[in-house]
């Protein structure tokens, strides 16, 4: 479902969730930033840009991709996050190295056949 409005507190919550994510022994996009606060600020800006550009969609299990007949595509920067999306029915389409900061995991969920 396309997100058309989002209050500033929710945007900050999204940024903080990314900035405070516990990667354990993994490396992720967080390593590209000088601090967790800097990572959170970047994600907040990205969310604002996606919202303003009409590119922000939920990843809920309500089947928006099925309803619209389109695939749901996303990427994440940690295997632990990837595993959570796989549990929700996404498929791993590939991985890409993000410099020395680890891997990006490309995931897709195709719409159910009608």
Protein backbone atom coordinates (compact mmCIF):
# COMPACT_ATOMS: atom_id res chain seq x y z
CA UNK A 1 0.00 0.00 0.00
CA UNK A 2 1.37 3.40 -0.94
CA UNK A 3 2.11 5.66 2.01
CA UNK A 4 0.96 9.22 1.30
CA UNK A 5 1.30 10.80 4.75
CA UNK A 6 3.61 10.18 7.64
CA UNK A 7 4.11 12.36 10.69
CA UNK A 8 7.58 13.55 11.68
CA UNK A 9 7.61 11.42 14.85
CA UNK A 10 7.09 8.27 12.76
CA UNK A 11 9.87 9.32 10.38
CA UNK A 12 12.22 9.78 13.34
CA UNK A 13 11.17 6.38 14.72
CA UNK A 14 12.11 4.73 11.42
CA UNK A 15 15.49 6.48 11.43
CA UNK A 16 16.15 5.49 15.03
CA UNK A 17 15.16 1.86 14.38
CA UNK A 18 17.79 1.69 11.64
CA UNK A 19 20.42 3.63 13.58
CA UNK A 20 19.98 1.47 16.69
CA UNK A 21 19.70 -1.92 14.92
CA UNK A 22 21.91 -4.54 16.59
CA UNK A 23 23.97 -6.11 13.82
CA UNK A 24 25.78 -8.44 16.19
CA UNK A 25 28.85 -9.69 14.34
CA UNK A 26 27.50 -8.59 10.94
CA UNK A 27 28.57 -5.54 9.01
CA UNK A 28 25.97 -3.41 7.31
CA UNK A 29 25.27 0.00 5.86
CA UNK A 30 25.63 1.40 9.39
CA UNK A 31 29.43 1.00 9.00
CA UNK A 32 29.41 3.60 6.22
CA UNK A 33 28.40 6.34 8.69
CA UNK A 34 30.53 8.08 11.31
CA UNK A 35 27.90 7.43 14.00
CA UNK A 36 24.54 5.81 14.59
CA UNK A 37 22.98 9.28 14.83
CA UNK A 38 24.35 10.08 11.36
CA UNK A 39 22.85 6.85 10.02
CA UNK A 40 19.48 7.69 11.61
CA UNK A 41 19.56 11.19 10.07
CA UNK A 42 20.32 9.70 6.64
CA UNK A 43 17.43 7.24 6.88
CA UNK A 44 15.06 10.02 8.00
CA UNK A 45 16.07 12.02 4.93
CA UNK A 46 15.59 8.98 2.71
CA UNK A 47 12.11 8.37 4.13
CA UNK A 48 11.17 12.02 3.54
CA UNK A 49 12.46 11.82 -0.04
CA UNK A 50 10.59 8.57 -0.75
CA UNK A 51 7.40 10.00 0.77
CA UNK A 52 7.63 13.21 -1.24
CA UNK A 53 8.48 11.28 -4.41
CA UNK A 54 5.54 8.91 -4.02
CA UNK A 55 7.86 5.90 -3.68
CA UNK A 56 7.12 4.82 -0.12
CA UNK A 57 5.06 1.64 0.29
CA UNK A 58 4.30 -0.62 3.23
CA UNK A 59 5.65 -4.16 3.43
CA UNK A 60 2.64 -5.48 5.27
CA UNK A 61 1.29 -8.98 4.68
CA UNK A 62 -2.00 -7.62 3.28
CA UNK A 63 -1.05 -8.58 -0.25
CA UNK A 64 -0.79 -5.20 -1.99
CA UNK A 65 1.51 -6.71 -4.61
CA UNK A 66 -1.01 -9.47 -5.27
CA UNK A 67 -3.89 -7.01 -5.43
CA UNK A 68 -2.02 -4.80 -7.91
CA UNK A 69 -0.42 -7.72 -9.77
CA UNK A 70 3.10 -6.39 -9.23
CA UNK A 71 6.18 -7.81 -7.50
CA UNK A 72 7.33 -6.43 -4.17
CA UNK A 73 11.05 -5.67 -4.27
CA UNK A 74 13.31 -4.53 -1.45
CA UNK A 75 16.88 -4.65 -0.29
CA UNK A 76 18.37 -4.91 3.16
CA UNK A 77 21.87 -4.78 4.57
CA UNK A 78 22.06 -7.64 7.07
CA UNK A 79 21.50 -11.37 6.89
CA UNK A 80 19.42 -11.23 10.07
CA UNK A 81 17.06 -8.73 8.42
CA UNK A 82 17.01 -10.81 5.23
CA UNK A 83 15.97 -13.88 7.22
CA UNK A 84 12.97 -11.99 8.65
CA UNK A 85 11.80 -11.07 5.13
CA UNK A 86 12.33 -14.64 3.92
CA UNK A 87 10.08 -15.78 6.77
CA UNK A 88 7.40 -13.40 5.41
CA UNK A 89 7.52 -15.10 2.00
CA UNK A 90 10.09 -13.00 0.16
CA UNK A 91 12.67 -14.79 -2.01
CA UNK A 92 16.36 -13.94 -2.10
CA UNK A 93 17.09 -12.70 -5.62
CA UNK A 94 20.78 -12.01 -5.08
CA UNK A 95 23.45 -10.30 -3.05
CA UNK A 96 25.79 -7.43 -3.83
CA UNK A 97 28.91 -6.35 -2.00
CA UNK A 98 28.68 -2.91 -0.41
CA UNK A 99 32.40 -2.13 -0.39
CA UNK A 100 33.95 -3.10 2.92
CA UNK A 101 30.63 -2.60 4.68
CA UNK A 102 29.14 -6.01 3.93
CA UNK A 103 26.44 -7.26 1.61
CA UNK A 104 23.15 -5.94 0.31
CA UNK A 105 20.44 -8.59 0.06
CA UNK A 106 18.00 -8.18 -2.83
CA UNK A 107 14.59 -9.70 -2.12
CA UNK A 108 11.46 -10.13 -4.20
CA UNK A 109 7.98 -11.48 -3.76
CA UNK A 110 6.05 -12.12 -6.94
CA UNK A 111 2.27 -11.73 -6.97
CA UNK A 112 0.22 -14.88 -6.49
CA UNK A 113 -0.95 -16.45 -9.73
CA UNK A 114 -4.58 -15.68 -10.52
